[in-house]
Amino acid sequence: MDIKELGKKLHINWHEVSQHQFEEGMKVETEHKDVTHGDPVTNARNVVMDIKEVPDYYSRLSKMEKTGKKAMKKKSSK
C-alpha cells in the first residue's frame, strides 16, 4: 500500500501531517515488524500519532541516531 492509499484509508489531513515526515516515519516503523506484524495500516497509525505529538519527530529521531552512531564510533576507537 503506498503513502497516498494509506493517507486516504486513515483520512490523513496532509495540511496537518507532513507527508515528508510520514514517509520517513513509515521507513522507520517498518523496522518494528515484531510488534505490528508488518501491517502498514498499524504502522501508519503509529506514525501519525508520533507526528501529531511532535511534528518533526522523525527528523529529530534521525538526527539523534546519527549523533549516537558518531559517539559510538568515537568510543570504540579509543
PDB file of N, CA and C in Angstrom:
ATOM      1  N   MET A   1       0.853  -1.176   0.000  1.00  0.00           N
ATOM      2  CA  MET A   1       0.000   0.000   0.000  1.00  0.00           C
ATOM      3  C   MET A   1       0.899   1.238   0.000  1.00  0.00           C
ATOM      4  N   ASP A   2       0.663   2.157  -0.912  1.00  0.00           N
ATOM      5  CA  ASP A   2       1.522   3.340  -0.971  1.00  0.00           C
ATOM      6  C   ASP A   2       1.030   4.434  -0.016  1.00  0.00           C
ATOM      7  N   ILE A   3       1.813   5.490   0.076  1.00  0.00           N
ATOM      8  CA  ILE A   3       1.552   6.581   1.020  1.00  0.00           C
ATOM      9  C   ILE A   3       0.175   7.210   0.798  1.00  0.00           C
ATOM     10  N   LYS A   4      -0.156   7.476  -0.442  1.00  0.00           N
ATOM     11  CA  LYS A   4      -1.443   8.116  -0.734  1.00  0.00           C
ATOM     12  C   LYS A   4      -2.615   7.208  -0.353  1.00  0.00           C
ATOM     13  N   GLU A   5      -2.472   5.913  -0.618  1.00  0.00           N
ATOM     14  CA  GLU A   5      -3.526   4.973  -0.246  1.00  0.00           C
ATOM     15  C   GLU A   5      -3.698   4.911   1.271  1.00  0.00           C
ATOM     16  N   LEU A   6      -2.582   4.878   1.990  1.00  0.00           N
ATOM     17  CA  LEU A   6      -2.651   4.859   3.455  1.00  0.00           C
ATOM     18  C   LEU A   6      -3.287   6.138   3.971  1.00  0.00           C
ATOM     19  N   GLY A   7      -2.889   7.259   3.385  1.00  0.00           N
ATOM     20  CA  GLY A   7      -3.462   8.538   3.792  1.00  0.00           C
ATOM     21  C   GLY A   7      -4.962   8.575   3.595  1.00  0.00           C
ATOM     22  N   LYS A   8      -5.400   8.055   2.472  1.00  0.00           N
ATOM     23  CA  LYS A   8      -6.835   8.029   2.183  1.00  0.00           C
ATOM     24  C   LYS A   8      -7.565   7.093   3.150  1.00  0.00           C
ATOM     25  N   LYS A   9      -6.989   5.928   3.377  1.00  0.00           N
ATOM     26  CA  LYS A   9      -7.607   4.935   4.261  1.00  0.00           C
ATOM     27  C   LYS A   9      -7.740   5.459   5.695  1.00  0.00           C
ATOM     28  N   LEU A  10      -6.729   6.210   6.141  1.00  0.00           N
ATOM     29  CA  LEU A  10      -6.731   6.725   7.509  1.00  0.00           C
ATOM     30  C   LEU A  10      -7.262   8.153   7.616  1.00  0.00           C
ATOM     31  N   HIS A  11      -7.713   8.699   6.491  1.00  0.00           N
ATOM     32  CA  HIS A  11      -8.269  10.066   6.455  1.00  0.00           C
ATOM     33  C   HIS A  11      -7.260  11.088   6.980  1.00  0.00           C
ATOM     34  N   ILE A  12      -6.024  10.956   6.520  1.00  0.00           N
ATOM     35  CA  ILE A  12      -4.976  11.874   6.959  1.00  0.00           C
ATOM     36  C   ILE A  12      -5.144  13.210   6.255  1.00  0.00           C
ATOM     37  N   ASN A  13      -5.115  14.263   7.038  1.00  0.00           N
ATOM     38  CA  ASN A  13      -5.155  15.620   6.508  1.00  0.00           C
ATOM     39  C   ASN A  13      -3.708  16.056   6.289  1.00  0.00           C
ATOM     40  N   TRP A  14      -3.286  16.129   5.021  1.00  0.00           N
ATOM     41  CA  TRP A  14      -1.892  16.443   4.716  1.00  0.00           C
ATOM     42  C   TRP A  14      -1.535  17.887   5.039  1.00  0.00           C
ATOM     43  N   HIS A  15      -2.513  18.686   5.446  1.00  0.00           N
ATOM     44  CA  HIS A  15      -2.220  20.042   5.916  1.00  0.00           C
ATOM     45  C   HIS A  15      -1.816  20.003   7.388  1.00  0.00           C
ATOM     46  N   GLU A  16      -2.177  18.923   8.074  1.00  0.00           N
ATOM     47  CA  GLU A  16      -1.838  18.753   9.493  1.00  0.00           C
ATOM     48  C   GLU A  16      -0.640  17.824   9.686  1.00  0.00           C
ATOM     49  N   VAL A  17      -0.436  16.922   8.749  1.00  0.00           N
ATOM     50  CA  VAL A  17       0.627  15.929   8.849  1.00  0.00           C
ATOM     51  C   VAL A  17       1.554  16.086   7.645  1.00  0.00           C
ATOM     52  N   SER A  18       2.821  16.319   7.919  1.00  0.00           N
ATOM     53  CA  SER A  18       3.806  16.468   6.845  1.00  0.00           C
ATOM     54  C   SER A  18       3.978  15.147   6.102  1.00  0.00           C
ATOM     55  N   GLN A  19       3.810  15.205   4.792  1.00  0.00           N
ATOM     56  CA  GLN A  19       3.976  13.987   4.006  1.00  0.00           C
ATOM     57  C   GLN A  19       5.419  13.492   4.086  1.00  0.00           C
ATOM     58  N   HIS A  20       6.362  14.407   4.122  1.00  0.00           N
ATOM     59  CA  HIS A  20       7.770  14.013   4.251  1.00  0.00           C
ATOM     60  C   HIS A  20       7.997  13.263   5.570  1.00  0.00           C
ATOM     61  N   GLN A  21       7.496  13.827   6.667  1.00  0.00           N
ATOM     62  CA  GLN A  21       7.643  13.163   7.968  1.00  0.00           C
ATOM     63  C   GLN A  21       6.945  11.805   7.962  1.00  0.00           C
ATOM     64  N   PHE A  22       5.789  11.752   7.320  1.00  0.00           N
ATOM     65  CA  PHE A  22       5.035  10.500   7.242  1.00  0.00           C
ATOM     66  C   PHE A  22       5.837   9.436   6.494  1.00  0.00           C
ATOM     67  N   GLU A  23       6.419   9.821   5.366  1.00  0.00           N
ATOM     68  CA  GLU A  23       7.214   8.872   4.574  1.00  0.00           C
ATOM     69  C   GLU A  23       8.432   8.389   5.366  1.00  0.00           C
ATOM     70  N   GLU A  24       9.110   9.313   6.027  1.00  0.00           N
ATOM     71  CA  GLU A  24      10.259   8.928   6.851  1.00  0.00           C
ATOM     72  C   GLU A  24       9.814   8.013   7.990  1.00  0.00           C
ATOM     73  N   GLY A  25       8.699   8.358   8.589  1.00  0.00           N
ATOM     74  CA  GLY A  25       8.162   7.545   9.677  1.00  0.00           C
ATOM     75  C   GLY A  25       7.821   6.136   9.236  1.00  0.00           C
ATOM     76  N   MET A  26       7.265   6.012   8.063  1.00  0.00           N
ATOM     77  CA  MET A  26       6.918   4.674   7.565  1.00  0.00           C
ATOM     78  C   MET A  26       8.175   3.829   7.361  1.00  0.00           C
ATOM     79  N   LYS A  27       9.267   4.453   6.920  1.00  0.00           N
ATOM     80  CA  LYS A  27      10.524   3.720   6.775  1.00  0.00           C
ATOM     81  C   LYS A  27      11.014   3.214   8.132  1.00  0.00           C
ATOM     82  N   VAL A  28      10.921   4.080   9.126  1.00  0.00           N
ATOM     83  CA  VAL A  28      11.375   3.723  10.474  1.00  0.00           C
ATOM     84  C   VAL A  28      10.482   2.645  11.083  1.00  0.00           C
ATOM     85  N   GLU A  29       9.188   2.859  11.008  1.00  0.00           N
ATOM     86  CA  GLU A  29       8.258   1.965  11.697  1.00  0.00           C
ATOM     87  C   GLU A  29       8.184   0.571  11.082  1.00  0.00           C
ATOM     88  N   THR A  30       8.568   0.426   9.828  1.00  0.00           N
ATOM     89  CA  THR A  30       8.554  -0.915   9.244  1.00  0.00           C
ATOM     90  C   THR A  30       9.633  -1.799   9.867  1.00  0.00           C
ATOM     91  N   GLU A  31      10.557  -1.179  10.612  1.00  0.00           N
ATOM     92  CA  GLU A  31      11.560  -1.962  11.341  1.00  0.00           C
ATOM     93  C   GLU A  31      10.947  -2.720  12.514  1.00  0.00           C
ATOM     94  N   HIS A  32       9.740  -2.349  12.914  1.00  0.00           N
ATOM     95  CA  HIS A  32       9.101  -2.941  14.093  1.00  0.00           C
ATOM     96  C   HIS A  32       8.094  -4.026  13.716  1.00  0.00           C
ATOM     97  N   LYS A  33       8.476  -4.862  12.787  1.00  0.00           N
ATOM     98  CA  LYS A  33       7.569  -5.911  12.305  1.00  0.00           C
ATOM     99  C   LYS A  33       7.152  -6.867  13.411  1.00  0.00           C
ATOM    100  N   ASP A  34       8.019  -7.040  14.402  1.00  0.00           N
ATOM    101  CA  ASP A  34       7.686  -7.946  15.501  1.00  0.00           C
ATOM    102  C   ASP A  34       6.517  -7.420  16.335  1.00  0.00           C
ATOM    103  N   VAL A  35       6.320  -6.119  16.334  1.00  0.00           N
ATOM    104  CA  VAL A  35       5.231  -5.515  17.110  1.00  0.00           C
ATOM    105  C   VAL A  35       3.959  -5.376  16.274  1.00  0.00           C
ATOM    106  N   THR A  36       4.112  -4.936  15.038  1.00  0.00           N
ATOM    107  CA  THR A  36       2.944  -4.651  14.192  1.00  0.00           C
ATOM    108  C   THR A  36       2.643  -5.760  13.201  1.00  0.00           C
ATOM    109  N   HIS A  37       3.465  -6.790  13.193  1.00  0.00           N
ATOM    110  CA  HIS A  37       3.315  -7.913  12.250  1.00  0.00           C
ATOM    111  C   HIS A  37       3.348  -7.434  10.803  1.00  0.00           C
ATOM    112  N   GLY A  38       4.068  -6.316  10.577  1.00  0.00           N
ATOM    113  CA  GLY A  38       4.230  -5.795   9.223  1.00  0.00           C
ATOM    114  C   GLY A  38       2.995  -5.154   8.625  1.00  0.00           C
ATOM    115  N   ASP A  39       1.988  -4.888   9.445  1.00  0.00           N
ATOM    116  CA  ASP A  39       0.750  -4.288   8.941  1.00  0.00           C
ATOM    117  C   ASP A  39       0.971  -2.803   8.651  1.00  0.00           C
ATOM    118  N   PRO A  40       0.911  -2.394   7.386  1.00  0.00           N
ATOM    119  CA  PRO A  40       1.172  -0.993   7.053  1.00  0.00           C
ATOM    120  C   PRO A  40       0.170  -0.020   7.675  1.00  0.00           C
ATOM    121  N   VAL A  41      -1.055  -0.448   7.874  1.00  0.00           N
ATOM    122  CA  VAL A  41      -2.052   0.447   8.474  1.00  0.00           C
ATOM    123  C   VAL A  41      -1.707   0.711   9.938  1.00  0.00           C
ATOM    124  N   THR A  42      -1.316  -0.332  10.654  1.00  0.00           N
ATOM    125  CA  THR A  42      -0.903  -0.153  12.052  1.00  0.00           C
ATOM    126  C   THR A  42       0.332   0.731  12.122  1.00  0.00           C
ATOM    127  N   ASN A  43       1.301   0.486  11.244  1.00  0.00           N
ATOM    128  CA  ASN A  43       2.491   1.334  11.198  1.00  0.00           C
ATOM    129  C   ASN A  43       2.108   2.784  10.933  1.00  0.00           C
ATOM    130  N   ALA A  44       1.224   2.998   9.975  1.00  0.00           N
ATOM    131  CA  ALA A  44       0.803   4.353   9.611  1.00  0.00           C
ATOM    132  C   ALA A  44       0.108   5.050  10.777  1.00  0.00           C
ATOM    133  N   ARG A  45      -0.706   4.329  11.502  1.00  0.00           N
ATOM    134  CA  ARG A  45      -1.373   4.932  12.676  1.00  0.00           C
ATOM    135  C   ARG A  45      -0.335   5.377  13.704  1.00  0.00           C
ATOM    136  N   ASN A  46       0.661   4.528  13.938  1.00  0.00           N
ATOM    137  CA  ASN A  46       1.717   4.883  14.885  1.00  0.00           C
ATOM    138  C   ASN A  46       2.478   6.119  14.420  1.00  0.00           C
ATOM    139  N   VAL A  47       2.764   6.187  13.134  1.00  0.00           N
ATOM    140  CA  VAL A  47       3.480   7.331  12.563  1.00  0.00           C
ATOM    141  C   VAL A  47       2.666   8.611  12.766  1.00  0.00           C
ATOM    142  N   VAL A  48       1.398   8.561  12.449  1.00  0.00           N
ATOM    143  CA  VAL A  48       0.544   9.744  12.587  1.00  0.00           C
ATOM    144  C   VAL A  48       0.496  10.199  14.043  1.00  0.00           C
ATOM    145  N   MET A  49       0.377   9.258  14.973  1.00  0.00           N
ATOM    146  CA  MET A  49       0.350   9.626  16.399  1.00  0.00           C
ATOM    147  C   MET A  49       1.648  10.327  16.797  1.00  0.00           C
ATOM    148  N   ASP A  50       2.789   9.793  16.336  1.00  0.00           N
ATOM    149  CA  ASP A  50       4.074  10.417  16.660  1.00  0.00           C
ATOM    150  C   ASP A  50       4.159  11.826  16.094  1.00  0.00           C
ATOM    151  N   ILE A  51       3.747  11.995  14.845  1.00  0.00           N
ATOM    152  CA  ILE A  51       3.830  13.313  14.193  1.00  0.00           C
ATOM    153  C   ILE A  51       2.872  14.307  14.841  1.00  0.00           C
ATOM    154  N   LYS A  52       1.720  13.848  15.253  1.00  0.00           N
ATOM    155  CA  LYS A  52       0.777  14.774  15.899  1.00  0.00           C
ATOM    156  C   LYS A  52       1.304  15.232  17.256  1.00  0.00           C
ATOM    157  N   GLU A  53       2.069  14.368  17.943  1.00  0.00           N
ATOM    158  CA  GLU A  53       2.668  14.760  19.222  1.00  0.00           C
ATOM    159  C   GLU A  53       3.849  15.705  19.013  1.00  0.00           C
ATOM    160  N   VAL A  54       4.705  15.361  18.036  1.00  0.00           N
ATOM    161  CA  VAL A  54       5.900  16.154  17.735  1.00  0.00           C
ATOM    162  C   VAL A  54       6.003  16.222  16.208  1.00  0.00           C
ATOM    163  N   PRO A  55       5.628  17.361  15.608  1.00  0.00           N
ATOM    164  CA  PRO A  55       5.543  17.442  14.144  1.00  0.00           C
ATOM    165  C   PRO A  55       6.805  17.040  13.371  1.00  0.00           C
ATOM    166  N   ASP A  56       7.989  17.248  13.959  1.00  0.00           N
ATOM    167  CA  ASP A  56       9.224  16.850  13.270  1.00  0.00           C
ATOM    168  C   ASP A  56       9.880  15.639  13.942  1.00  0.00           C
ATOM    169  N   TYR A  57       9.058  14.770  14.475  1.00  0.00           N
ATOM    170  CA  TYR A  57       9.501  13.599  15.237  1.00  0.00           C
ATOM    171  C   TYR A  57      10.567  12.791  14.498  1.00  0.00           C
ATOM    172  N   TYR A  58      10.325  12.472  13.248  1.00  0.00           N
ATOM    173  CA  TYR A  58      11.243  11.585  12.529  1.00  0.00           C
ATOM    174  C   TYR A  58      12.520  12.281  12.101  1.00  0.00           C
ATOM    175  N   SER A  59      12.491  13.596  11.907  1.00  0.00           N
ATOM    176  CA  SER A  59      13.720  14.349  11.662  1.00  0.00           C
ATOM    177  C   SER A  59      14.582  14.350  12.927  1.00  0.00           C
ATOM    178  N   ARG A  60      13.934  14.557  14.071  1.00  0.00           N
ATOM    179  CA  ARG A  60      14.659  14.546  15.341  1.00  0.00           C
ATOM    180  C   ARG A  60      15.252  13.163  15.614  1.00  0.00           C
ATOM    181  N   LEU A  61      14.469  12.140  15.340  1.00  0.00           N
ATOM    182  CA  LEU A  61      14.929  10.773  15.566  1.00  0.00           C
ATOM    183  C   LEU A  61      16.149  10.472  14.702  1.00  0.00           C
ATOM    184  N   SER A  62      16.105  10.872  13.452  1.00  0.00           N
ATOM    185  CA  SER A  62      17.225  10.651  12.544  1.00  0.00           C
ATOM    186  C   SER A  62      18.484  11.365  13.045  1.00  0.00           C
ATOM    187  N   LYS A  63      18.325  12.597  13.475  1.00  0.00           N
ATOM    188  CA  LYS A  63      19.452  13.365  13.986  1.00  0.00           C
ATOM    189  C   LYS A  63      20.032  12.693  15.234  1.00  0.00           C
ATOM    190  N   MET A  64      19.157  12.237  16.122  1.00  0.00           N
ATOM    191  CA  MET A  64      19.600  11.589  17.346  1.00  0.00           C
ATOM    192  C   MET A  64      20.370  10.302  17.024  1.00  0.00           C
ATOM    193  N   GLU A  65      19.865   9.518  16.073  1.00  0.00           N
ATOM    194  CA  GLU A  65      20.540   8.271  15.704  1.00  0.00           C
ATOM    195  C   GLU A  65      21.921   8.544  15.110  1.00  0.00           C
ATOM    196  N   LYS A  66      22.031   9.568  14.265  1.00  0.00           N
ATOM    197  CA  LYS A  66      23.326   9.922  13.676  1.00  0.00           C
ATOM    198  C   LYS A  66      24.312  10.361  14.760  1.00  0.00           C
ATOM    199  N   THR A  67      23.840  11.165  15.698  1.00  0.00           N
ATOM    200  CA  THR A  67      24.686  11.623  16.802  1.00  0.00           C
ATOM    201  C   THR A  67      25.143  10.432  17.637  1.00  0.00           C
ATOM    202  N   GLY A  68      24.229   9.514  17.901  1.00  0.00           N
ATOM    203  CA  GLY A  68      24.562   8.324  18.682  1.00  0.00           C
ATOM    204  C   GLY A  68      25.580   7.442  17.984  1.00  0.00           C
ATOM    205  N   LYS A  69      25.443   7.274  16.684  1.00  0.00           N
ATOM    206  CA  LYS A  69      26.396   6.454  15.922  1.00  0.00           C
ATOM    207  C   LYS A  69      27.789   7.077  15.948  1.00  0.00           C
ATOM    208  N   LYS A  70      27.848   8.410  15.814  1.00  0.00           N
ATOM    209  CA  LYS A  70      29.145   9.091  15.868  1.00  0.00           C
ATOM    210  C   LYS A  70      29.786   8.895  17.242  1.00  0.00           C
ATOM    211  N   ALA A  71      28.990   9.024  18.282  1.00  0.00           N
ATOM    212  CA  ALA A  71      29.513   8.852  19.648  1.00  0.00           C
ATOM    213  C   ALA A  71      30.014   7.432  19.861  1.00  0.00           C
ATOM    214  N   MET A  72      29.305   6.458  19.328  1.00  0.00           N
ATOM    215  CA  MET A  72      29.726   5.062  19.478  1.00  0.00           C
ATOM    216  C   MET A  72      31.020   4.794  18.723  1.00  0.00           C
ATOM    217  N   LYS A  73      31.187   5.416  17.544  1.00  0.00           N
ATOM    218  CA  LYS A  73      32.415   5.255  16.776  1.00  0.00           C
ATOM    219  C   LYS A  73      33.591   5.832  17.560  1.00  0.00           C
ATOM    220  N   LYS A  74      33.399   7.025  18.133  1.00  0.00           N
ATOM    221  CA  LYS A  74      34.462   7.661  18.922  1.00  0.00           C
ATOM    222  C   LYS A  74      34.831   6.779  20.113  1.00  0.00           C
ATOM    223  N   LYS A  75      33.814   6.256  20.769  1.00  0.00           N
ATOM    224  CA  LYS A  75      34.032   5.427  21.958  1.00  0.00           C
ATOM    225  C   LYS A  75      34.780   4.145  21.605  1.00  0.00           C
ATOM    226  N   SER A  76      34.420   3.520  20.494  1.00  0.00           N
ATOM    227  CA  SER A  76      35.040   2.245  20.115  1.00  0.00           C
ATOM    228  C   SER A  76      36.446   2.429  19.539  1.00  0.00           C
ATOM    229  N   SER A  77      36.778   3.650  19.100  1.00  0.00           N
ATOM    230  CA  SER A  77      38.108   3.877  18.537  1.00  0.00           C
ATOM    231  C   SER A  77      39.139   4.212  19.613  1.00  0.00           C
ATOM    232  N   LYS A  78      38.699   4.367  20.834  1.00  0.00           N
ATOM    233  CA  LYS A  78      39.627   4.699  21.931  1.00  0.00           C
ATOM    234  C   LYS A  78      40.266   3.461  22.504  1.00  0.00           C
TER     235      LYS A  78
END
